[in-house]
Protein backbone atom coordinates (compact mmCIF):
# COMPACT_ATOMS: atom_id res chain seq x y z
CA MET A 1 -39.39 17.26 45.40
CA ILE A 2 -40.65 15.56 48.54
CA ARG A 3 -38.74 17.28 51.70
CA PRO A 4 -39.11 16.97 55.24
CA GLY A 5 -40.67 19.79 57.94
CA LEU A 6 -43.02 21.39 60.28
CA ALA A 7 -46.83 22.13 60.94
CA ARG A 8 -48.66 23.37 63.43
CA VAL A 9 -52.07 21.81 64.59
CA VAL A 10 -54.92 24.56 64.98
CA GLY A 11 -58.34 24.02 65.80
CA ALA A 12 -60.06 20.70 67.22
CA SER A 13 -61.60 18.52 63.89
CA MET A 14 -58.39 15.64 64.79
CA GLU A 15 -59.45 15.68 68.46
CA PRO A 16 -58.57 13.03 70.44
CA THR A 17 -56.02 12.06 68.02
CA LEU A 18 -54.24 15.76 66.85
CA HIS A 19 -54.72 18.47 69.45
CA GLU A 20 -54.73 21.96 68.85
CA GLY A 21 -50.95 23.40 69.22
CA ASP A 22 -49.20 19.85 68.25
CA LEU A 23 -46.06 19.96 65.85
CA LEU A 24 -46.60 17.40 63.30
CA LEU A 25 -43.14 16.32 61.37
CA VAL A 26 -44.28 15.81 57.57
CA LEU A 27 -42.94 14.63 54.31
CA TRP A 28 -44.28 17.67 51.83
CA GLY A 29 -44.88 16.27 48.23
CA ALA A 30 -45.31 13.01 49.75
CA GLY A 31 -48.49 10.81 48.47
CA ALA A 32 -51.37 9.50 50.38
CA HIS A 33 -51.65 6.52 52.14
CA VAL A 34 -54.60 5.31 53.29
CA GLY A 35 -55.04 4.85 57.34
CA SER A 36 -52.01 7.67 56.85
CA LEU A 37 -52.64 11.34 58.61
CA ALA A 38 -52.04 14.09 55.87
CA ILE A 39 -51.81 17.51 55.21
CA VAL A 40 -54.81 18.88 52.61
CA GLN A 41 -56.02 21.72 50.57
CA LEU A 42 -59.67 21.22 50.77
CA PRO A 43 -62.47 22.82 48.17
CA ARG A 44 -63.24 26.42 48.21
CA ASP A 45 -66.75 26.96 50.36
CA GLU A 46 -70.18 27.89 49.60
CA HIS A 47 -69.34 31.25 48.99
CA GLY A 48 -65.80 30.40 46.89
CA ALA A 49 -63.90 32.00 49.83
CA PRO A 50 -60.64 29.25 50.42
CA ARG A 51 -60.47 26.99 53.23
CA PRO A 52 -57.43 26.32 55.49
CA VAL A 53 -54.48 23.97 54.90
CA SER A 54 -56.28 20.72 57.26
CA VAL A 55 -55.04 17.90 58.52
CA LYS A 56 -56.85 14.97 57.81
CA ARG A 57 -56.95 10.88 57.79
CA VAL A 58 -57.18 9.13 54.55
CA THR A 59 -59.57 6.33 55.07
CA GLY A 60 -59.73 5.12 51.20
CA VAL A 61 -60.06 6.33 47.52
CA ASP A 62 -63.13 7.18 46.54
CA PRO A 63 -65.57 3.99 45.08
CA ALA A 64 -66.53 6.28 42.50
CA ASP A 65 -62.82 7.79 40.87
CA PRO A 66 -59.98 5.57 42.47
CA ARG A 67 -57.60 8.17 41.60
CA ARG A 68 -58.72 10.62 44.47
CA TRP A 69 -58.94 10.47 48.00
CA TRP A 70 -61.39 10.22 50.98
CA VAL A 71 -60.65 11.82 54.24
CA ALA A 72 -62.16 12.55 57.66
CA ARG A 73 -62.03 14.38 60.49
CA ASP A 74 -61.73 12.45 64.07
CA ASN A 75 -63.96 14.71 65.94
CA PRO A 76 -67.09 14.60 64.44
CA SER A 77 -68.77 17.18 65.88
CA VAL A 78 -65.99 19.86 64.42
CA GLY A 79 -64.37 21.01 61.15
CA VAL A 80 -65.00 19.61 57.69
CA ASP A 81 -63.79 16.52 55.61
CA SER A 82 -65.13 14.45 52.51
CA TRP A 83 -68.81 14.12 54.42
CA LEU A 84 -69.32 17.46 53.51
CA VAL A 85 -66.98 18.35 50.28
CA GLY A 86 -66.32 15.10 48.86
CA SER A 87 -63.68 13.22 47.62
CA LEU A 88 -59.87 15.27 47.00
CA PRO A 89 -57.76 15.09 43.85
CA PRO A 90 -54.18 13.96 44.34
CA GLU A 91 -52.65 17.49 44.31
CA ALA A 92 -55.12 18.07 46.89
CA VAL A 93 -52.86 16.33 49.51
CA LEU A 94 -49.78 18.49 50.16
CA ALA A 95 -47.70 16.13 52.81
CA ARG A 96 -48.02 12.94 54.86
CA VAL A 97 -48.18 12.92 58.64
CA LEU A 98 -45.17 10.70 60.01
CA LEU A 99 -44.90 12.21 63.70
CA ARG A 100 -47.00 14.19 66.26
CA ILE A 101 -45.07 15.85 68.62
CA PRO A 102 -47.65 17.26 71.36
CA CYS A 103 -46.87 20.88 72.43
CA ARG A 104 -49.75 21.78 74.69
CA ARG A 105 -49.02 25.09 75.82
CA ALA A 106 -49.88 25.85 79.72
CA PRO A 107 -51.97 28.58 80.32
CA PHE A 108 -50.84 31.50 81.68
CA THR A 109 -51.08 32.64 85.38
């Protein structure tokens, strides 16, 4: 079932496109599209611990398996993407991002 919702950006892996605290209007359950941003579940880390749900850019299909998606971070110095964990199965794409709502918080004084 496809339904609209909101997600909040945590971390810096998608800077400069997205910033910590930004809100995203998303379609939960919608499939990925090349060039779009998506909310994804990355595979477990090398110790078997789950990684947090993340927002990534869908850059294409895996050339070795066109049923799987290749995702990337916009900030190459922070975060995890397909260059580190490989391509993702379709069920790892949880939502498609429709819109960014900037919500930078002012520092406390």
